[in-house]
């Protein structure tokens, strides 16, 4: 396996695996510039993996406060029941959003792998195996 020939900003050599026929890795090969930009754009729109965790922590905190309010007599039980139902609907929506995002990421990764397999030359023995 050949390593990338690019030089990093700190002067060290990139440790990425070069993609044939280039002597550069995916991150440095100009042929993949469009794909990298598209992936970065999609990543920026997704909002990162931290957002759902913050939302879930906020809902847990609200439910805890709601329960404490009911137990202390500060919140009516009927109001708390409705509020907890709304928060549960919100939790379900976050869960569905996470699953949809994971599926989209999985599809993108599969498409990238399929493209990489298609772009690799096959072996000469006619077996149809991908050469590495």
C-alpha atoms as a PDB file:
ATOM      1  CA  UNK A   1       0.000   0.000   0.000  1.00  0.00           C
ATOM      2  CA  UNK A   2       1.503   3.297  -1.100  1.00  0.00           C
ATOM      3  CA  UNK A   3       1.193   6.324   1.131  1.00  0.00           C
ATOM      4  CA  UNK A   4       0.050   9.745  -0.010  1.00  0.00           C
ATOM      5  CA  UNK A   5       2.851  11.979  -1.282  1.00  0.00           C
ATOM      6  CA  UNK A   6       1.237  15.234  -0.069  1.00  0.00           C
ATOM      7  CA  UNK A   7       2.890  17.373   2.584  1.00  0.00           C
ATOM      8  CA  UNK A   8       0.766  18.591   5.497  1.00  0.00           C
ATOM      9  CA  UNK A   9       0.658  22.197   6.694  1.00  0.00           C
ATOM     10  CA  UNK A  10       3.006  21.312   9.566  1.00  0.00           C
ATOM     11  CA  UNK A  11       5.609  20.034   7.084  1.00  0.00           C
ATOM     12  CA  UNK A  12       5.043  16.338   7.810  1.00  0.00           C
ATOM     13  CA  UNK A  13       4.059  13.789   5.216  1.00  0.00           C
ATOM     14  CA  UNK A  14       0.426  12.760   4.907  1.00  0.00           C
ATOM     15  CA  UNK A  15      -0.191   9.253   6.232  1.00  0.00           C
ATOM     16  CA  UNK A  16      -3.226   8.576   4.050  1.00  0.00           C
ATOM     17  CA  UNK A  17      -3.311   5.670   1.604  1.00  0.00           C
ATOM     18  CA  UNK A  18      -2.788   6.748  -1.990  1.00  0.00           C
ATOM     19  CA  UNK A  19      -5.551   5.936  -4.459  1.00  0.00           C
ATOM     20  CA  UNK A  20      -4.372   4.374  -7.714  1.00  0.00           C
ATOM     21  CA  UNK A  21      -3.375   5.644 -10.254  1.00  0.00           C
ATOM     22  CA  UNK A  22      -2.621   8.839  -8.307  1.00  0.00           C
ATOM     23  CA  UNK A  23       0.037   9.072  -5.624  1.00  0.00           C
ATOM     24  CA  UNK A  24      -2.367  11.099  -3.458  1.00  0.00           C
ATOM     25  CA  UNK A  25      -4.996  10.074  -0.908  1.00  0.00           C
ATOM     26  CA  UNK A  26      -8.689  10.968  -1.179  1.00  0.00           C
ATOM     27  CA  UNK A  27      -8.218  14.112   0.925  1.00  0.00           C
ATOM     28  CA  UNK A  28      -5.447  15.521  -1.302  1.00  0.00           C
ATOM     29  CA  UNK A  29      -6.352  14.259  -4.779  1.00  0.00           C
ATOM     30  CA  UNK A  30      -7.791  17.140  -6.857  1.00  0.00           C
ATOM     31  CA  UNK A  31      -9.916  14.632  -8.775  1.00  0.00           C
ATOM     32  CA  UNK A  32     -12.018  14.174  -5.625  1.00  0.00           C
ATOM     33  CA  UNK A  33     -12.354  17.890  -4.829  1.00  0.00           C
ATOM     34  CA  UNK A  34     -16.014  18.081  -5.897  1.00  0.00           C
ATOM     35  CA  UNK A  35     -16.947  15.010  -3.819  1.00  0.00           C
ATOM     36  CA  UNK A  36     -15.122  16.374  -0.759  1.00  0.00           C
ATOM     37  CA  UNK A  37     -16.866  19.735  -1.036  1.00  0.00           C
ATOM     38  CA  UNK A  38     -20.261  18.066  -1.423  1.00  0.00           C
ATOM     39  CA  UNK A  39     -19.640  15.892   1.629  1.00  0.00           C
ATOM     40  CA  UNK A  40     -18.482  18.883   3.676  1.00  0.00           C
ATOM     41  CA  UNK A  41     -21.566  20.849   2.654  1.00  0.00           C
ATOM     42  CA  UNK A  42     -23.846  17.980   3.682  1.00  0.00           C
ATOM     43  CA  UNK A  43     -21.968  17.582   6.945  1.00  0.00           C
ATOM     44  CA  UNK A  44     -22.445  21.255   7.762  1.00  0.00           C
ATOM     45  CA  UNK A  45     -26.186  21.041   7.144  1.00  0.00           C
ATOM     46  CA  UNK A  46     -26.567  17.945   9.303  1.00  0.00           C
ATOM     47  CA  UNK A  47     -25.599  19.892  12.422  1.00  0.00           C
ATOM     48  CA  UNK A  48     -23.292  17.315  13.916  1.00  0.00           C
ATOM     49  CA  UNK A  49     -23.969  14.523  16.315  1.00  0.00           C
ATOM     50  CA  UNK A  50     -24.029  16.768  19.384  1.00  0.00           C
ATOM     51  CA  UNK A  51     -27.347  18.488  18.691  1.00  0.00           C
ATOM     52  CA  UNK A  52     -29.641  15.498  19.362  1.00  0.00           C
ATOM     53  CA  UNK A  53     -27.792  14.756  22.597  1.00  0.00           C
ATOM     54  CA  UNK A  54     -28.360  18.317  23.821  1.00  0.00           C
ATOM     55  CA  UNK A  55     -32.020  18.133  22.827  1.00  0.00           C
ATOM     56  CA  UNK A  56     -32.452  14.832  24.653  1.00  0.00           C
ATOM     57  CA  UNK A  57     -30.695  16.168  27.745  1.00  0.00           C
ATOM     58  CA  UNK A  58     -32.999  19.212  27.704  1.00  0.00           C
ATOM     59  CA  UNK A  59     -36.118  17.023  27.487  1.00  0.00           C
ATOM     60  CA  UNK A  60     -34.871  14.796  30.328  1.00  0.00           C
ATOM     61  CA  UNK A  61     -34.301  17.909  32.443  1.00  0.00           C
ATOM     62  CA  UNK A  62     -37.799  19.220  31.641  1.00  0.00           C
ATOM     63  CA  UNK A  63     -39.414  15.880  32.483  1.00  0.00           C
ATOM     64  CA  UNK A  64     -37.520  15.747  35.755  1.00  0.00           C
ATOM     65  CA  UNK A  65     -38.603  19.291  36.640  1.00  0.00           C
ATOM     66  CA  UNK A  66     -42.167  18.427  35.653  1.00  0.00           C
ATOM     67  CA  UNK A  67     -42.169  15.358  37.893  1.00  0.00           C
ATOM     68  CA  UNK A  68     -40.725  17.367  40.777  1.00  0.00           C
ATOM     69  CA  UNK A  69     -43.393  20.039  40.248  1.00  0.00           C
ATOM     70  CA  UNK A  70     -46.186  17.456  40.389  1.00  0.00           C
ATOM     71  CA  UNK A  71     -44.758  15.830  43.511  1.00  0.00           C
ATOM     72  CA  UNK A  72     -44.345  19.238  45.204  1.00  0.00           C
ATOM     73  CA  UNK A  73     -47.882  20.252  44.273  1.00  0.00           C
ATOM     74  CA  UNK A  74     -46.662  23.181  42.134  1.00  0.00           C
ATOM     75  CA  UNK A  75     -47.905  21.669  38.850  1.00  0.00           C
ATOM     76  CA  UNK A  76     -51.366  20.278  38.234  1.00  0.00           C
ATOM     77  CA  UNK A  77     -51.346  16.558  37.369  1.00  0.00           C
ATOM     78  CA  UNK A  78     -53.496  17.071  34.249  1.00  0.00           C
ATOM     79  CA  UNK A  79     -51.199  19.838  32.965  1.00  0.00           C
ATOM     80  CA  UNK A  80     -48.163  17.663  33.655  1.00  0.00           C
ATOM     81  CA  UNK A  81     -49.739  14.741  31.796  1.00  0.00           C
ATOM     82  CA  UNK A  82     -50.333  16.857  28.702  1.00  0.00           C
ATOM     83  CA  UNK A  83     -46.857  18.398  28.876  1.00  0.00           C
ATOM     84  CA  UNK A  84     -45.230  14.971  29.209  1.00  0.00           C
ATOM     85  CA  UNK A  85     -47.220  13.726  26.196  1.00  0.00           C
ATOM     86  CA  UNK A  86     -45.966  16.657  24.126  1.00  0.00           C
ATOM     87  CA  UNK A  87     -42.388  16.010  25.251  1.00  0.00           C
ATOM     88  CA  UNK A  88     -42.764  12.331  24.329  1.00  0.00           C
ATOM     89  CA  UNK A  89     -43.919  13.318  20.835  1.00  0.00           C
ATOM     90  CA  UNK A  90     -40.835  15.531  20.591  1.00  0.00           C
ATOM     91  CA  UNK A  91     -38.607  12.638  21.668  1.00  0.00           C
ATOM     92  CA  UNK A  92     -40.169  10.435  19.001  1.00  0.00           C
ATOM     93  CA  UNK A  93     -39.526  13.112  16.360  1.00  0.00           C
ATOM     94  CA  UNK A  94     -35.869  13.356  17.403  1.00  0.00           C
ATOM     95  CA  UNK A  95     -35.593   9.571  17.223  1.00  0.00           C
ATOM     96  CA  UNK A  96     -37.066   9.458  13.719  1.00  0.00           C
ATOM     97  CA  UNK A  97     -34.761  12.288  12.622  1.00  0.00           C
ATOM     98  CA  UNK A  98     -31.714  10.408  13.912  1.00  0.00           C
ATOM     99  CA  UNK A  99     -32.729   7.218  12.116  1.00  0.00           C
ATOM    100  CA  UNK A 100     -33.326   9.092   8.861  1.00  0.00           C
ATOM    101  CA  UNK A 101     -29.952  10.833   9.136  1.00  0.00           C
ATOM    102  CA  UNK A 102     -28.189   7.527   9.823  1.00  0.00           C
ATOM    103  CA  UNK A 103     -29.861   5.942   6.797  1.00  0.00           C
ATOM    104  CA  UNK A 104     -28.829   8.835   4.550  1.00  0.00           C
ATOM    105  CA  UNK A 105     -25.246   8.629   5.823  1.00  0.00           C
ATOM    106  CA  UNK A 106     -25.269   4.875   5.238  1.00  0.00           C
ATOM    107  CA  UNK A 107     -26.562   5.314   1.676  1.00  0.00           C
ATOM    108  CA  UNK A 108     -23.864   7.906   0.954  1.00  0.00           C
ATOM    109  CA  UNK A 109     -21.176   5.573   2.291  1.00  0.00           C
ATOM    110  CA  UNK A 110     -22.498   2.654   0.259  1.00  0.00           C
ATOM    111  CA  UNK A 111     -22.575   4.755  -2.914  1.00  0.00           C
ATOM    112  CA  UNK A 112     -18.989   5.864  -2.295  1.00  0.00           C
ATOM    113  CA  UNK A 113     -17.896   2.243  -1.800  1.00  0.00           C
ATOM    114  CA  UNK A 114     -19.718   1.114  -4.934  1.00  0.00           C
ATOM    115  CA  UNK A 115     -18.069   3.892  -6.923  1.00  0.00           C
ATOM    116  CA  UNK A 116     -14.650   2.971  -5.530  1.00  0.00           C
ATOM    117  CA  UNK A 117     -15.194  -0.656  -6.520  1.00  0.00           C
ATOM    118  CA  UNK A 118     -16.309   0.341 -10.013  1.00  0.00           C
ATOM    119  CA  UNK A 119     -13.283   2.601 -10.445  1.00  0.00           C
ATOM    120  CA  UNK A 120     -10.785  -0.113  -9.482  1.00  0.00           C
ATOM    121  CA  UNK A 121      -9.362  -2.303 -12.215  1.00  0.00           C
ATOM    122  CA  UNK A 122     -10.312  -5.974 -12.104  1.00  0.00           C
ATOM    123  CA  UNK A 123      -7.768  -8.762 -12.026  1.00  0.00           C
ATOM    124  CA  UNK A 124      -6.470 -10.225 -15.267  1.00  0.00           C
ATOM    125  CA  UNK A 125      -7.360 -13.786 -14.382  1.00  0.00           C
ATOM    126  CA  UNK A 126     -10.942 -13.174 -15.481  1.00  0.00           C
ATOM    127  CA  UNK A 127     -12.319 -14.036 -12.080  1.00  0.00           C
ATOM    128  CA  UNK A 128     -13.938 -10.645 -11.668  1.00  0.00           C
ATOM    129  CA  UNK A 129     -12.247 -10.033  -8.335  1.00  0.00           C
ATOM    130  CA  UNK A 130     -11.180  -6.541  -7.474  1.00  0.00           C
ATOM    131  CA  UNK A 131      -7.410  -6.161  -7.266  1.00  0.00           C
ATOM    132  CA  UNK A 132      -5.929  -4.417  -4.239  1.00  0.00           C
END
